[in-house]
Amino acid sequence: MDIILLDIGNVLVTVDFMSFCHGVAVTGPTVPAEIFRKFCSGPIKNRYDKGLIGSGAFLAELAADPLVRPMPEAELIERWQGIFSPFPGADDGVAALETQGRIWIMSDTDPLHFASLHHAFPLLHGRERYYLSFRHGFLKSSPSAFIHVLGDSGVDAGRCILIDDREDNCRAAGEAGIRSVLFTSWPQALAALPSDDGGAP
């Protein structure tokens, strides 16, 4: 193992989209869940994560939606960015990973989220490469995202392993010839890494 493709959300940081949804919602018991379905998952979020729309257009859609209460754009941005907290064990887990390979960050994310994450979480600083969906246009649920990484870096698939919390992303990596560990916790992920001889630990 040489290259560790490391996810961000629910691996390095916990993600709480519902705190955003409750913070911006107009009054109504179902409104936060409706905001989540409309802006935190599904087609609009996918377009933003793939760089097909910019932050200005995304924020304009949010601000114009009747589900979202009126507020200054700066507050809307602050609430959108304020959904992350440290994932338990991430500091020690990353330190252990650094003894086993080169860590490249690979994440489905948008420009506002990544700017906030990179500022707030030192674990993201100074990594050799960042493969971010809004820059290269592919989500990790598609093998194209991993084919792009291999083509861009010139690294053979056999030298890479993905650590990610989503089964569909791990499946897509496998279709591109990249091994993966489905992350649930740092002790579990570290124990699941292949040993030096290529077998299970």
N, C-alpha and C. Protein backbone atom coordinates (compact mmCIF):
# COMPACT_ATOMS: atom_id res chain seq x y z
N MET A 1 0.84 -1.20 0.00
CA MET A 1 0.00 0.00 0.00
C MET A 1 0.87 1.25 0.00
N ASP A 2 0.55 2.17 -0.87
CA ASP A 2 1.35 3.38 -1.00
C ASP A 2 0.49 4.62 -0.79
N ILE A 3 -0.63 4.71 -1.52
CA ILE A 3 -1.49 5.88 -1.47
C ILE A 3 -2.77 5.55 -0.71
N ILE A 4 -3.08 6.35 0.31
CA ILE A 4 -4.32 6.21 1.06
C ILE A 4 -5.23 7.36 0.65
N LEU A 5 -6.32 7.02 -0.03
CA LEU A 5 -7.32 8.02 -0.41
C LEU A 5 -8.29 8.15 0.75
N LEU A 6 -8.23 9.28 1.43
CA LEU A 6 -8.94 9.44 2.70
C LEU A 6 -10.12 10.40 2.56
N ASP A 7 -11.28 9.91 2.91
CA ASP A 7 -12.50 10.72 2.92
C ASP A 7 -12.44 11.73 4.07
N ILE A 8 -13.32 12.74 4.00
CA ILE A 8 -13.39 13.74 5.07
C ILE A 8 -14.61 13.52 5.95
N GLY A 9 -15.81 13.62 5.36
CA GLY A 9 -17.04 13.60 6.13
C GLY A 9 -17.30 12.26 6.79
N ASN A 10 -17.55 12.30 8.11
CA ASN A 10 -17.80 11.11 8.93
C ASN A 10 -16.61 10.16 8.96
N VAL A 11 -15.43 10.71 8.67
CA VAL A 11 -14.16 10.01 8.84
C VAL A 11 -13.20 10.92 9.63
N LEU A 12 -12.91 12.09 9.08
CA LEU A 12 -12.11 13.08 9.80
C LEU A 12 -12.97 14.01 10.65
N VAL A 13 -14.17 14.27 10.18
CA VAL A 13 -15.10 15.15 10.90
C VAL A 13 -16.48 14.52 10.89
N THR A 14 -17.26 14.83 11.91
CA THR A 14 -18.68 14.48 11.88
C THR A 14 -19.44 15.58 11.14
N VAL A 15 -20.54 15.20 10.52
CA VAL A 15 -21.32 16.11 9.69
C VAL A 15 -22.75 16.15 10.22
N ASP A 16 -23.23 17.35 10.52
CA ASP A 16 -24.58 17.51 11.07
C ASP A 16 -25.37 18.50 10.21
N PHE A 17 -25.86 18.02 9.07
CA PHE A 17 -26.62 18.89 8.18
C PHE A 17 -27.91 19.39 8.84
N MET A 18 -28.47 18.61 9.76
CA MET A 18 -29.74 19.03 10.36
C MET A 18 -29.58 20.27 11.22
N SER A 19 -28.39 20.51 11.76
CA SER A 19 -28.19 21.75 12.52
C SER A 19 -28.34 22.95 11.59
N PHE A 20 -27.84 22.83 10.36
CA PHE A 20 -28.05 23.88 9.37
C PHE A 20 -29.53 24.03 9.04
N CYS A 21 -30.19 22.90 8.79
CA CYS A 21 -31.59 22.94 8.38
C CYS A 21 -32.47 23.59 9.44
N HIS A 22 -32.25 23.23 10.70
CA HIS A 22 -33.03 23.85 11.78
C HIS A 22 -32.68 25.33 11.92
N GLY A 23 -31.43 25.67 11.70
CA GLY A 23 -31.00 27.05 11.88
C GLY A 23 -31.54 28.03 10.86
N VAL A 24 -31.87 27.54 9.66
CA VAL A 24 -32.31 28.45 8.60
C VAL A 24 -33.80 28.32 8.28
N ALA A 25 -34.48 27.36 8.88
CA ALA A 25 -35.86 27.04 8.49
C ALA A 25 -36.86 28.08 8.98
N VAL A 26 -37.87 28.33 8.16
CA VAL A 26 -39.05 29.04 8.64
C VAL A 26 -39.80 28.11 9.58
N THR A 27 -40.79 28.65 10.28
CA THR A 27 -41.53 27.85 11.25
C THR A 27 -42.31 26.73 10.57
N GLY A 28 -42.27 25.57 11.18
CA GLY A 28 -43.02 24.43 10.67
C GLY A 28 -42.33 23.14 11.01
N PRO A 29 -43.05 22.14 11.52
CA PRO A 29 -42.40 20.93 12.01
C PRO A 29 -41.68 20.11 10.95
N THR A 30 -42.12 20.18 9.70
CA THR A 30 -41.49 19.37 8.66
C THR A 30 -40.48 20.14 7.82
N VAL A 31 -40.35 21.43 8.09
CA VAL A 31 -39.53 22.28 7.22
C VAL A 31 -38.05 21.86 7.22
N PRO A 32 -37.43 21.63 8.41
CA PRO A 32 -36.01 21.24 8.37
C PRO A 32 -35.75 19.99 7.52
N ALA A 33 -36.62 19.00 7.62
CA ALA A 33 -36.44 17.80 6.81
C ALA A 33 -36.61 18.10 5.33
N GLU A 34 -37.52 19.02 4.99
CA GLU A 34 -37.70 19.40 3.59
C GLU A 34 -36.46 20.12 3.06
N ILE A 35 -35.88 20.98 3.88
CA ILE A 35 -34.64 21.67 3.48
C ILE A 35 -33.52 20.66 3.27
N PHE A 36 -33.43 19.68 4.16
CA PHE A 36 -32.40 18.65 4.01
C PHE A 36 -32.55 17.93 2.68
N ARG A 37 -33.78 17.50 2.37
CA ARG A 37 -34.00 16.77 1.12
C ARG A 37 -33.69 17.62 -0.11
N LYS A 38 -33.97 18.92 0.00
CA LYS A 38 -33.82 19.78 -1.17
C LYS A 38 -32.40 20.28 -1.37
N PHE A 39 -31.70 20.62 -0.28
CA PHE A 39 -30.41 21.30 -0.41
C PHE A 39 -29.21 20.53 0.13
N CYS A 40 -29.43 19.53 0.97
CA CYS A 40 -28.31 18.81 1.59
C CYS A 40 -28.11 17.43 1.00
N SER A 41 -28.98 17.04 0.11
CA SER A 41 -28.86 15.79 -0.63
C SER A 41 -29.63 15.99 -1.93
N GLY A 42 -29.47 15.07 -2.86
CA GLY A 42 -30.25 15.17 -4.08
C GLY A 42 -29.63 16.06 -5.15
N PRO A 43 -30.41 16.40 -6.18
CA PRO A 43 -29.86 17.02 -7.40
C PRO A 43 -29.16 18.36 -7.18
N ILE A 44 -29.73 19.25 -6.36
CA ILE A 44 -29.10 20.57 -6.19
C ILE A 44 -27.74 20.42 -5.52
N LYS A 45 -27.66 19.66 -4.45
CA LYS A 45 -26.38 19.45 -3.76
C LYS A 45 -25.39 18.73 -4.67
N ASN A 46 -25.85 17.76 -5.43
CA ASN A 46 -24.95 17.07 -6.36
C ASN A 46 -24.36 18.02 -7.38
N ARG A 47 -25.19 18.92 -7.92
CA ARG A 47 -24.68 19.90 -8.89
C ARG A 47 -23.63 20.80 -8.25
N TYR A 48 -23.88 21.21 -7.03
CA TYR A 48 -22.93 22.07 -6.33
C TYR A 48 -21.64 21.31 -6.03
N ASP A 49 -21.77 20.07 -5.56
CA ASP A 49 -20.58 19.27 -5.25
C ASP A 49 -19.75 18.97 -6.49
N LYS A 50 -20.40 18.88 -7.65
CA LYS A 50 -19.68 18.57 -8.89
C LYS A 50 -19.17 19.83 -9.59
N GLY A 51 -19.37 20.99 -8.98
CA GLY A 51 -18.90 22.23 -9.57
C GLY A 51 -19.70 22.71 -10.76
N LEU A 52 -20.91 22.20 -10.92
CA LEU A 52 -21.75 22.62 -12.04
C LEU A 52 -22.45 23.93 -11.76
N ILE A 53 -22.58 24.30 -10.49
CA ILE A 53 -23.02 25.64 -10.10
C ILE A 53 -22.04 26.16 -9.07
N GLY A 54 -21.87 27.47 -9.02
CA GLY A 54 -20.95 28.07 -8.07
C GLY A 54 -21.63 28.40 -6.76
N SER A 55 -20.84 28.89 -5.81
CA SER A 55 -21.37 29.22 -4.50
C SER A 55 -22.42 30.32 -4.57
N GLY A 56 -22.21 31.31 -5.43
CA GLY A 56 -23.19 32.39 -5.55
C GLY A 56 -24.55 31.89 -5.97
N ALA A 57 -24.57 31.01 -6.98
CA ALA A 57 -25.83 30.47 -7.47
C ALA A 57 -26.49 29.58 -6.42
N PHE A 58 -25.68 28.77 -5.72
CA PHE A 58 -26.24 27.91 -4.69
C PHE A 58 -26.84 28.72 -3.56
N LEU A 59 -26.13 29.73 -3.10
CA LEU A 59 -26.64 30.58 -2.03
C LEU A 59 -27.90 31.33 -2.46
N ALA A 60 -27.93 31.75 -3.72
CA ALA A 60 -29.11 32.45 -4.23
C ALA A 60 -30.33 31.53 -4.22
N GLU A 61 -30.13 30.25 -4.60
CA GLU A 61 -31.25 29.30 -4.55
C GLU A 61 -31.73 29.11 -3.12
N LEU A 62 -30.80 28.99 -2.19
CA LEU A 62 -31.17 28.86 -0.79
C LEU A 62 -31.96 30.07 -0.31
N ALA A 63 -31.42 31.26 -0.56
CA ALA A 63 -32.03 32.48 -0.04
C ALA A 63 -33.41 32.73 -0.63
N ALA A 64 -33.63 32.30 -1.86
CA ALA A 64 -34.91 32.55 -2.52
C ALA A 64 -35.97 31.52 -2.18
N ASP A 65 -35.58 30.44 -1.51
CA ASP A 65 -36.54 29.37 -1.24
C ASP A 65 -37.47 29.76 -0.09
N PRO A 66 -38.77 29.56 -0.22
CA PRO A 66 -39.70 29.94 0.85
C PRO A 66 -39.52 29.12 2.13
N LEU A 67 -38.83 28.00 2.06
CA LEU A 67 -38.56 27.22 3.26
C LEU A 67 -37.50 27.86 4.15
N VAL A 68 -36.71 28.78 3.58
CA VAL A 68 -35.57 29.39 4.28
C VAL A 68 -35.96 30.79 4.72
N ARG A 69 -35.78 31.07 6.01
CA ARG A 69 -36.14 32.40 6.52
C ARG A 69 -35.17 33.45 6.01
N PRO A 70 -35.61 34.69 5.84
CA PRO A 70 -34.70 35.74 5.38
C PRO A 70 -33.56 35.98 6.37
N MET A 71 -32.36 36.15 5.83
CA MET A 71 -31.19 36.42 6.67
C MET A 71 -30.08 36.98 5.78
N PRO A 72 -29.11 37.68 6.35
CA PRO A 72 -27.96 38.14 5.55
C PRO A 72 -27.20 36.96 4.97
N GLU A 73 -26.60 37.17 3.81
CA GLU A 73 -25.84 36.09 3.18
C GLU A 73 -24.73 35.59 4.09
N ALA A 74 -24.10 36.49 4.84
CA ALA A 74 -23.02 36.08 5.72
C ALA A 74 -23.50 35.08 6.77
N GLU A 75 -24.71 35.26 7.27
CA GLU A 75 -25.25 34.30 8.24
C GLU A 75 -25.56 32.97 7.57
N LEU A 76 -26.09 33.03 6.36
CA LEU A 76 -26.39 31.81 5.63
C LEU A 76 -25.10 31.00 5.40
N ILE A 77 -24.03 31.68 5.01
CA ILE A 77 -22.75 31.01 4.81
C ILE A 77 -22.24 30.43 6.12
N GLU A 78 -22.31 31.20 7.20
CA GLU A 78 -21.83 30.72 8.50
C GLU A 78 -22.56 29.46 8.94
N ARG A 79 -23.87 29.45 8.74
CA ARG A 79 -24.66 28.27 9.13
C ARG A 79 -24.35 27.08 8.22
N TRP A 80 -24.16 27.33 6.92
CA TRP A 80 -23.81 26.25 5.99
C TRP A 80 -22.46 25.64 6.35
N GLN A 81 -21.53 26.46 6.76
CA GLN A 81 -20.18 25.97 7.07
C GLN A 81 -20.07 25.40 8.48
N GLY A 82 -21.04 25.69 9.35
CA GLY A 82 -20.90 25.35 10.76
C GLY A 82 -21.46 24.00 11.15
N ILE A 83 -21.32 23.01 10.29
CA ILE A 83 -21.95 21.70 10.54
C ILE A 83 -20.95 20.62 10.91
N PHE A 84 -19.69 21.00 11.09
CA PHE A 84 -18.64 20.00 11.28
C PHE A 84 -18.08 20.04 12.69
N SER A 85 -17.68 18.88 13.18
CA SER A 85 -16.97 18.76 14.45
C SER A 85 -15.98 17.61 14.34
N PRO A 86 -14.96 17.57 15.19
CA PRO A 86 -13.94 16.52 15.07
C PRO A 86 -14.54 15.13 15.24
N PHE A 87 -14.08 14.18 14.43
CA PHE A 87 -14.51 12.79 14.56
C PHE A 87 -13.65 12.12 15.63
N PRO A 88 -14.27 11.39 16.55
CA PRO A 88 -13.48 10.76 17.63
C PRO A 88 -12.37 9.86 17.09
N GLY A 89 -11.18 10.08 17.59
CA GLY A 89 -10.04 9.24 17.24
C GLY A 89 -9.31 9.63 15.97
N ALA A 90 -9.78 10.70 15.30
CA ALA A 90 -9.19 11.04 14.00
C ALA A 90 -7.73 11.44 14.10
N ASP A 91 -7.34 12.20 15.12
CA ASP A 91 -5.94 12.63 15.24
C ASP A 91 -5.00 11.42 15.34
N ASP A 92 -5.31 10.51 16.24
CA ASP A 92 -4.46 9.33 16.40
C ASP A 92 -4.56 8.42 15.18
N GLY A 93 -5.75 8.33 14.60
CA GLY A 93 -5.92 7.48 13.42
C GLY A 93 -5.09 7.95 12.24
N VAL A 94 -5.11 9.24 11.99
CA VAL A 94 -4.32 9.78 10.89
C VAL A 94 -2.84 9.62 11.16
N ALA A 95 -2.42 9.83 12.41
CA ALA A 95 -1.01 9.62 12.76
C ALA A 95 -0.59 8.18 12.45
N ALA A 96 -1.46 7.22 12.72
CA ALA A 96 -1.15 5.82 12.41
C ALA A 96 -1.10 5.60 10.91
N LEU A 97 -2.01 6.21 10.18
CA LEU A 97 -2.01 6.08 8.71
C LEU A 97 -0.73 6.62 8.10
N GLU A 98 -0.23 7.71 8.66
CA GLU A 98 0.96 8.35 8.09
C GLU A 98 2.19 7.45 8.16
N THR A 99 2.16 6.44 9.00
CA THR A 99 3.27 5.49 9.05
C THR A 99 3.13 4.40 7.99
N GLN A 100 1.98 4.35 7.32
CA GLN A 100 1.71 3.26 6.38
C GLN A 100 1.63 3.69 4.92
N GLY A 101 1.50 4.98 4.67
CA GLY A 101 1.40 5.42 3.29
C GLY A 101 1.23 6.92 3.19
N ARG A 102 1.15 7.38 1.96
CA ARG A 102 0.94 8.81 1.68
C ARG A 102 -0.56 9.07 1.66
N ILE A 103 -0.98 10.08 2.39
CA ILE A 103 -2.40 10.39 2.50
C ILE A 103 -2.79 11.45 1.48
N TRP A 104 -3.71 11.08 0.60
CA TRP A 104 -4.33 12.03 -0.31
C TRP A 104 -5.78 12.19 0.11
N ILE A 105 -6.25 13.41 0.16
CA ILE A 105 -7.64 13.67 0.54
C ILE A 105 -8.53 13.52 -0.70
N MET A 106 -9.62 12.77 -0.55
CA MET A 106 -10.58 12.60 -1.63
C MET A 106 -11.97 12.75 -1.06
N SER A 107 -12.69 13.77 -1.52
CA SER A 107 -13.97 14.09 -0.88
C SER A 107 -14.98 14.63 -1.87
N ASP A 108 -16.24 14.23 -1.68
CA ASP A 108 -17.37 14.89 -2.33
C ASP A 108 -17.71 16.10 -1.47
N THR A 109 -17.42 17.28 -1.98
CA THR A 109 -17.62 18.48 -1.17
C THR A 109 -17.80 19.68 -2.07
N ASP A 110 -18.15 20.80 -1.47
CA ASP A 110 -18.36 22.04 -2.22
C ASP A 110 -17.35 23.09 -1.76
N PRO A 111 -17.22 24.19 -2.50
CA PRO A 111 -16.17 25.17 -2.16
C PRO A 111 -16.32 25.78 -0.77
N LEU A 112 -17.55 26.09 -0.34
CA LEU A 112 -17.74 26.70 0.98
C LEU A 112 -17.40 25.72 2.09
N HIS A 113 -17.83 24.49 1.95
CA HIS A 113 -17.51 23.51 2.97
C HIS A 113 -16.01 23.25 3.04
N PHE A 114 -15.35 23.08 1.89
CA PHE A 114 -13.94 22.76 1.95
C PHE A 114 -13.13 23.93 2.50
N ALA A 115 -13.49 25.15 2.14
CA ALA A 115 -12.77 26.30 2.68
C ALA A 115 -12.85 26.33 4.20
N SER A 116 -14.03 26.06 4.73
CA SER A 116 -14.21 26.06 6.18
C SER A 116 -13.46 24.90 6.83
N LEU A 117 -13.56 23.72 6.22
CA LEU A 117 -12.88 22.54 6.77
C LEU A 117 -11.36 22.74 6.79
N HIS A 118 -10.82 23.22 5.69
CA HIS A 118 -9.37 23.39 5.60
C HIS A 118 -8.88 24.42 6.61
N HIS A 119 -9.68 25.42 6.88
CA HIS A 119 -9.31 26.44 7.86
C HIS A 119 -9.37 25.90 9.29
N ALA A 120 -10.40 25.10 9.58
CA ALA A 120 -10.69 24.74 10.97
C ALA A 120 -10.02 23.45 11.44
N PHE A 121 -9.62 22.58 10.51
CA PHE A 121 -9.14 21.25 10.91
C PHE A 121 -7.71 21.03 10.40
N PRO A 122 -6.73 21.12 11.29
CA PRO A 122 -5.32 20.97 10.89
C PRO A 122 -5.01 19.63 10.22
N LEU A 123 -5.80 18.59 10.47
CA LEU A 123 -5.55 17.31 9.82
C LEU A 123 -5.59 17.41 8.30
N LEU A 124 -6.25 18.44 7.79
CA LEU A 124 -6.36 18.62 6.35
C LEU A 124 -5.22 19.45 5.77
N HIS A 125 -4.38 19.99 6.60
CA HIS A 125 -3.33 20.89 6.12
C HIS A 125 -2.18 20.11 5.50
N GLY A 126 -1.63 20.66 4.43
CA GLY A 126 -0.36 20.18 3.91
C GLY A 126 -0.37 18.81 3.31
N ARG A 127 -1.51 18.32 2.86
CA ARG A 127 -1.55 17.00 2.23
C ARG A 127 -1.01 17.11 0.80
N GLU A 128 -0.47 16.01 0.34
CA GLU A 128 0.20 16.01 -0.97
C GLU A 128 -0.77 16.32 -2.11
N ARG A 129 -1.97 15.74 -2.05
CA ARG A 129 -2.98 15.98 -3.09
C ARG A 129 -4.36 16.04 -2.46
N TYR A 130 -5.22 16.85 -3.12
CA TYR A 130 -6.62 16.96 -2.73
C TYR A 130 -7.47 16.70 -3.97
N TYR A 131 -8.19 15.60 -3.96
CA TYR A 131 -9.13 15.30 -5.05
C TYR A 131 -10.53 15.62 -4.54
N LEU A 132 -11.05 16.75 -4.97
CA LEU A 132 -12.30 17.30 -4.48
C LEU A 132 -13.31 17.36 -5.62
N SER A 133 -14.51 16.90 -5.36
CA SER A 133 -15.49 16.73 -6.43
C SER A 133 -15.80 18.04 -7.14
N PHE A 134 -15.83 19.15 -6.40
CA PHE A 134 -16.19 20.41 -7.06
C PHE A 134 -15.09 20.88 -8.01
N ARG A 135 -13.88 20.34 -7.87
CA ARG A 135 -12.79 20.69 -8.78
C ARG A 135 -12.74 19.78 -10.00
N HIS A 136 -12.94 18.47 -9.79
CA HIS A 136 -12.79 17.55 -10.94
C HIS A 136 -14.11 17.08 -11.53
N GLY A 137 -15.25 17.35 -10.87
CA GLY A 137 -16.54 17.12 -11.50
C GLY A 137 -17.14 15.74 -11.36
N PHE A 138 -16.55 14.88 -10.52
CA PHE A 138 -17.07 13.52 -10.34
C PHE A 138 -17.36 13.27 -8.87
N LEU A 139 -18.48 12.61 -8.58
CA LEU A 139 -18.76 12.13 -7.24
C LEU A 139 -18.17 10.73 -7.08
N LYS A 140 -17.82 10.39 -5.84
CA LYS A 140 -17.16 9.11 -5.60
C LYS A 140 -18.08 7.90 -5.79
N SER A 141 -19.36 8.12 -5.93
CA SER A 141 -20.27 7.01 -6.23
C SER A 141 -20.10 6.54 -7.67
N SER A 142 -19.32 7.28 -8.46
CA SER A 142 -19.03 6.90 -9.84
C SER A 142 -17.58 6.42 -9.97
N PRO A 143 -17.34 5.31 -10.64
CA PRO A 143 -15.95 4.88 -10.88
C PRO A 143 -15.13 5.95 -11.60
N SER A 144 -15.81 6.86 -12.32
CA SER A 144 -15.09 7.91 -13.04
C SER A 144 -14.24 8.77 -12.10
N ALA A 145 -14.70 8.94 -10.86
CA ALA A 145 -13.93 9.74 -9.90
C ALA A 145 -12.57 9.09 -9.64
N PHE A 146 -12.56 7.78 -9.52
CA PHE A 146 -11.32 7.06 -9.22
C PHE A 146 -10.46 6.89 -10.48
N ILE A 147 -11.10 6.72 -11.62
CA ILE A 147 -10.36 6.67 -12.88
C ILE A 147 -9.65 8.01 -13.10
N HIS A 148 -10.32 9.11 -12.73
CA HIS A 148 -9.68 10.43 -12.83
C HIS A 148 -8.44 10.51 -11.93
N VAL A 149 -8.55 10.03 -10.69
CA VAL A 149 -7.41 10.06 -9.78
C VAL A 149 -6.24 9.29 -10.35
N LEU A 150 -6.52 8.10 -10.86
CA LEU A 150 -5.45 7.26 -11.41
C LEU A 150 -4.81 7.91 -12.63
N GLY A 151 -5.64 8.46 -13.52
CA GLY A 151 -5.11 9.10 -14.71
C GLY A 151 -4.34 10.36 -14.41
N ASP A 152 -4.84 11.15 -13.47
CA ASP A 152 -4.19 12.40 -13.11
C ASP A 152 -2.86 12.18 -12.41
N SER A 153 -2.82 11.17 -11.55
CA SER A 153 -1.62 10.95 -10.73
C SER A 153 -0.61 10.02 -11.38
N GLY A 154 -1.09 9.17 -12.31
CA GLY A 154 -0.21 8.18 -12.89
C GLY A 154 0.11 7.01 -11.97
N VAL A 155 -0.62 6.92 -10.85
CA VAL A 155 -0.39 5.84 -9.88
C VAL A 155 -1.23 4.64 -10.27
N ASP A 156 -0.66 3.46 -10.12
CA ASP A 156 -1.39 2.22 -10.41
C ASP A 156 -2.45 1.97 -9.34
N ALA A 157 -3.59 1.43 -9.77
CA ALA A 157 -4.69 1.17 -8.83
C ALA A 157 -4.27 0.27 -7.69
N GLY A 158 -3.38 -0.66 -7.96
CA GLY A 158 -2.95 -1.59 -6.92
C GLY A 158 -2.17 -0.95 -5.80
N ARG A 159 -1.71 0.27 -5.99
CA ARG A 159 -0.96 0.98 -4.95
C ARG A 159 -1.86 1.83 -4.07
N CYS A 160 -3.17 1.83 -4.35
CA CYS A 160 -4.10 2.73 -3.66
C CYS A 160 -5.09 1.95 -2.80
N ILE A 161 -5.53 2.60 -1.74
CA ILE A 161 -6.64 2.08 -0.95
C ILE A 161 -7.50 3.26 -0.51
N LEU A 162 -8.80 3.09 -0.59
CA LEU A 162 -9.76 4.12 -0.17
C LEU A 162 -10.26 3.81 1.23
N ILE A 163 -10.32 4.83 2.08
CA ILE A 163 -11.01 4.73 3.37
C ILE A 163 -12.19 5.69 3.32
N ASP A 164 -13.40 5.14 3.37
CA ASP A 164 -14.61 5.93 3.14
C ASP A 164 -15.77 5.31 3.91
N ASP A 165 -16.72 6.14 4.32
CA ASP A 165 -17.83 5.65 5.14
C ASP A 165 -19.05 5.22 4.32
N ARG A 166 -18.98 5.31 2.98
CA ARG A 166 -20.15 4.99 2.16
C ARG A 166 -19.88 3.74 1.31
N GLU A 167 -20.84 2.82 1.35
CA GLU A 167 -20.69 1.59 0.59
C GLU A 167 -20.64 1.85 -0.91
N ASP A 168 -21.46 2.81 -1.40
CA ASP A 168 -21.47 3.04 -2.85
C ASP A 168 -20.13 3.59 -3.32
N ASN A 169 -19.46 4.39 -2.51
CA ASN A 169 -18.14 4.90 -2.88
C ASN A 169 -17.10 3.78 -2.91
N CYS A 170 -17.16 2.90 -1.92
CA CYS A 170 -16.23 1.76 -1.89
C CYS A 170 -16.46 0.84 -3.08
N ARG A 171 -17.73 0.66 -3.44
CA ARG A 171 -18.05 -0.18 -4.60
C ARG A 171 -17.50 0.44 -5.89
N ALA A 172 -17.66 1.76 -6.03
CA ALA A 172 -17.15 2.44 -7.23
C ALA A 172 -15.63 2.35 -7.30
N ALA A 173 -14.97 2.49 -6.16
CA ALA A 173 -13.50 2.34 -6.14
C ALA A 173 -13.12 0.95 -6.62
N GLY A 174 -13.83 -0.06 -6.16
CA GLY A 174 -13.54 -1.43 -6.57
C GLY A 174 -13.69 -1.63 -8.07
N GLU A 175 -14.68 -0.95 -8.67
CA GLU A 175 -14.87 -1.06 -10.11
C GLU A 175 -13.71 -0.45 -10.87
N ALA A 176 -12.98 0.48 -10.23
CA ALA A 176 -11.79 1.07 -10.84
C ALA A 176 -10.52 0.32 -10.44
N GLY A 177 -10.67 -0.78 -9.72
CA GLY A 177 -9.52 -1.59 -9.34
C GLY A 177 -8.84 -1.18 -8.05
N ILE A 178 -9.48 -0.31 -7.28
CA ILE A 178 -8.91 0.21 -6.04
C ILE A 178 -9.54 -0.49 -4.85
N ARG A 179 -8.72 -1.03 -3.97
CA ARG A 179 -9.22 -1.63 -2.74
C ARG A 179 -9.81 -0.55 -1.83
N SER A 180 -10.65 -0.98 -0.87
CA SER A 180 -11.25 0.00 0.03
C SER A 180 -11.49 -0.60 1.40
N VAL A 181 -11.60 0.28 2.37
CA VAL A 181 -12.04 -0.05 3.72
C VAL A 181 -13.29 0.77 3.99
N LEU A 182 -14.40 0.10 4.30
CA LEU A 182 -15.63 0.79 4.66
C LEU A 182 -15.52 1.24 6.11
N PHE A 183 -15.44 2.53 6.31
CA PHE A 183 -15.13 3.11 7.62
C PHE A 183 -16.36 3.13 8.52
N THR A 184 -16.18 2.66 9.76
CA THR A 184 -17.20 2.88 10.80
C THR A 184 -16.58 3.55 12.04
N SER A 185 -15.31 3.26 12.30
CA SER A 185 -14.59 3.91 13.40
C SER A 185 -13.10 3.81 13.09
N TRP A 186 -12.30 4.58 13.81
CA TRP A 186 -10.86 4.52 13.54
C TRP A 186 -10.24 3.19 13.96
N PRO A 187 -10.58 2.64 15.12
CA PRO A 187 -10.01 1.31 15.43
C PRO A 187 -10.39 0.26 14.39
N GLN A 188 -11.65 0.27 13.94
CA GLN A 188 -12.09 -0.70 12.92
C GLN A 188 -11.34 -0.50 11.62
N ALA A 189 -11.19 0.75 11.17
CA ALA A 189 -10.54 1.02 9.88
C ALA A 189 -9.08 0.62 9.91
N LEU A 190 -8.38 0.94 10.99
CA LEU A 190 -6.97 0.60 11.07
C LEU A 190 -6.77 -0.91 11.11
N ALA A 191 -7.66 -1.60 11.80
CA ALA A 191 -7.55 -3.06 11.87
C ALA A 191 -7.84 -3.71 10.53
N ALA A 192 -8.65 -3.03 9.69
CA ALA A 192 -9.04 -3.61 8.40
C ALA A 192 -8.03 -3.34 7.29
N LEU A 193 -7.03 -2.52 7.53
CA LEU A 193 -6.05 -2.24 6.49
C LEU A 193 -5.26 -3.50 6.16
N PRO A 194 -4.91 -3.66 4.88
CA PRO A 194 -4.12 -4.84 4.50
C PRO A 194 -2.74 -4.80 5.11
N SER A 195 -2.18 -5.95 5.37
CA SER A 195 -0.83 -6.04 5.89
C SER A 195 0.17 -5.85 4.77
N ASP A 196 1.43 -5.76 5.11
CA ASP A 196 2.48 -5.48 4.11
C ASP A 196 2.54 -6.51 3.01
N ASP A 197 2.12 -7.75 3.29
CA ASP A 197 2.21 -8.78 2.27
C ASP A 197 0.99 -8.84 1.38
N GLY A 198 0.07 -7.85 1.55
CA GLY A 198 -1.11 -7.77 0.70
C GLY A 198 -2.30 -8.54 1.21
N GLY A 199 -2.12 -9.30 2.29
CA GLY A 199 -3.23 -10.04 2.85
C GLY A 199 -3.94 -9.25 3.91
N ALA A 200 -4.93 -9.89 4.53
CA ALA A 200 -5.64 -9.24 5.64
C ALA A 200 -4.71 -9.14 6.83
N PRO A 201 -4.95 -8.13 7.70
CA PRO A 201 -4.07 -8.00 8.87
C PRO A 201 -4.25 -9.15 9.84
